[in-house]
N, C-alpha and C. Protein backbone atom coordinates (compact mmCIF):
# COMPACT_ATOMS: atom_id res chain seq x y z
N UNK A 1 -28.00 -21.21 18.44
CA UNK A 1 -26.83 -20.51 18.92
C UNK A 1 -26.53 -19.40 17.92
N UNK A 2 -26.33 -18.13 18.46
CA UNK A 2 -25.90 -17.10 17.64
C UNK A 2 -24.49 -17.19 17.06
N UNK A 3 -24.25 -16.60 15.88
CA UNK A 3 -23.00 -16.57 15.32
C UNK A 3 -22.39 -15.19 15.41
N UNK A 4 -21.16 -15.12 15.42
CA UNK A 4 -20.53 -13.89 15.47
C UNK A 4 -20.21 -13.48 14.00
N UNK A 5 -20.34 -12.13 13.77
CA UNK A 5 -19.95 -11.76 12.27
C UNK A 5 -19.30 -10.42 12.37
N UNK A 6 -18.09 -10.41 11.66
CA UNK A 6 -17.30 -9.14 11.55
C UNK A 6 -17.44 -8.65 10.16
N UNK A 7 -17.84 -7.47 9.83
CA UNK A 7 -17.86 -6.91 8.47
C UNK A 7 -16.37 -6.62 8.10
N UNK A 8 -15.54 -6.22 8.99
CA UNK A 8 -14.24 -5.74 8.53
C UNK A 8 -13.16 -6.01 9.62
N UNK A 9 -12.04 -6.36 9.28
CA UNK A 9 -10.97 -6.51 10.29
C UNK A 9 -9.64 -6.15 9.43
N UNK A 10 -9.03 -5.25 9.87
CA UNK A 10 -7.82 -4.88 9.38
C UNK A 10 -6.56 -5.17 10.20
N UNK A 11 -5.52 -5.68 9.60
CA UNK A 11 -4.20 -6.01 10.35
C UNK A 11 -3.21 -5.14 9.71
N UNK A 12 -2.49 -4.43 10.61
CA UNK A 12 -1.28 -3.63 9.99
C UNK A 12 0.07 -4.21 10.35
N UNK A 13 0.99 -4.22 9.61
CA UNK A 13 2.39 -4.74 9.87
C UNK A 13 3.36 -3.81 9.23
N UNK A 14 4.53 -3.91 9.95
CA UNK A 14 5.76 -2.95 9.52
C UNK A 14 6.08 -3.24 8.11
N UNK A 15 6.48 -2.34 7.27
CA UNK A 15 6.83 -2.65 5.97
C UNK A 15 8.00 -3.78 5.94
N UNK A 16 7.82 -4.63 5.03
CA UNK A 16 8.57 -5.84 4.83
C UNK A 16 8.30 -7.01 5.76
N UNK A 17 7.28 -6.91 6.61
CA UNK A 17 7.01 -8.03 7.51
C UNK A 17 6.15 -9.02 6.87
N UNK A 18 5.22 -8.58 5.99
CA UNK A 18 4.36 -9.44 5.47
C UNK A 18 4.71 -10.31 4.15
N UNK A 19 5.65 -11.14 4.42
CA UNK A 19 6.33 -12.08 3.41
C UNK A 19 5.25 -13.09 3.15
N UNK A 20 5.42 -13.93 2.06
CA UNK A 20 4.49 -15.04 1.84
C UNK A 20 4.29 -16.04 2.80
N UNK A 21 5.41 -16.30 3.58
CA UNK A 21 5.57 -17.24 4.56
C UNK A 21 4.67 -16.74 5.97
N UNK A 22 5.09 -15.50 6.20
CA UNK A 22 4.34 -14.93 7.35
C UNK A 22 2.81 -14.78 7.02
N UNK A 23 2.43 -14.35 5.83
CA UNK A 23 1.05 -14.33 5.35
C UNK A 23 0.31 -15.76 5.59
N UNK A 24 1.05 -16.68 5.05
CA UNK A 24 0.44 -18.16 5.22
C UNK A 24 0.22 -18.47 6.72
N UNK A 25 1.11 -17.90 7.54
CA UNK A 25 0.82 -18.32 9.04
C UNK A 25 -0.31 -17.42 9.57
N UNK A 26 -0.42 -16.22 9.17
CA UNK A 26 -1.64 -15.46 9.62
C UNK A 26 -2.81 -16.00 9.05
N UNK A 27 -2.97 -16.39 7.93
CA UNK A 27 -4.11 -17.04 7.27
C UNK A 27 -4.43 -18.30 7.94
N UNK A 28 -3.32 -19.08 8.29
CA UNK A 28 -3.65 -20.28 8.95
C UNK A 28 -4.34 -20.04 10.30
N UNK A 29 -3.83 -19.08 11.06
CA UNK A 29 -4.47 -18.89 12.40
C UNK A 29 -5.88 -18.35 12.17
N UNK A 30 -6.14 -17.26 11.43
CA UNK A 30 -7.40 -16.60 11.32
C UNK A 30 -8.50 -17.37 10.48
N UNK A 31 -7.92 -18.15 9.37
CA UNK A 31 -8.80 -18.77 8.51
C UNK A 31 -9.08 -20.17 9.11
N UNK A 32 -8.14 -21.14 9.40
CA UNK A 32 -8.06 -22.34 9.79
C UNK A 32 -8.62 -22.53 11.25
N UNK A 33 -7.98 -21.86 12.11
CA UNK A 33 -8.23 -21.99 13.51
C UNK A 33 -9.73 -21.23 13.90
N UNK A 34 -9.81 -20.02 13.51
CA UNK A 34 -11.13 -19.32 13.76
C UNK A 34 -12.29 -19.50 12.71
N UNK A 35 -11.96 -20.07 11.61
CA UNK A 35 -12.79 -20.23 10.55
C UNK A 35 -13.32 -18.98 9.73
N UNK A 36 -12.46 -18.05 9.77
CA UNK A 36 -12.70 -16.75 9.07
C UNK A 36 -12.23 -16.76 7.56
N UNK A 37 -12.57 -15.78 6.71
CA UNK A 37 -12.16 -15.81 5.36
C UNK A 37 -11.12 -14.70 5.23
N UNK A 38 -10.33 -14.81 4.36
CA UNK A 38 -9.24 -13.78 4.02
C UNK A 38 -9.53 -13.17 2.65
N UNK A 39 -9.20 -11.92 2.52
CA UNK A 39 -9.51 -11.14 1.30
C UNK A 39 -8.43 -9.97 1.11
N UNK A 40 -7.69 -9.93 0.12
CA UNK A 40 -6.57 -8.82 -0.07
C UNK A 40 -7.40 -7.89 -0.92
N UNK A 41 -7.30 -6.54 -0.35
CA UNK A 41 -7.82 -5.39 -0.68
C UNK A 41 -6.86 -4.21 -0.90
N UNK A 42 -6.72 -3.56 -1.90
CA UNK A 42 -5.93 -2.35 -1.98
C UNK A 42 -6.68 -1.17 -1.44
N UNK A 43 -5.88 -0.57 -0.46
CA UNK A 43 -6.36 0.51 0.29
C UNK A 43 -5.44 1.76 0.03
N UNK A 44 -5.89 2.85 -0.35
CA UNK A 44 -5.30 4.02 -0.66
C UNK A 44 -3.96 3.77 -1.51
N UNK A 45 -4.13 2.92 -2.42
CA UNK A 45 -2.85 2.77 -3.31
C UNK A 45 -1.90 1.83 -2.81
N UNK A 46 -1.99 1.09 -1.83
CA UNK A 46 -0.99 0.22 -1.08
C UNK A 46 -1.50 -1.12 -1.19
């Protein structure tokens, strides 16, 4: 069986939305449910 691979996926949220609690929910969905990995990356100073 072939596996799907994404090199990059970016999610954007309104300022103030990405609290620790909300981030945990996002990680739970994408990491636990879909089996993906999460990585924090600074982009253009943000």
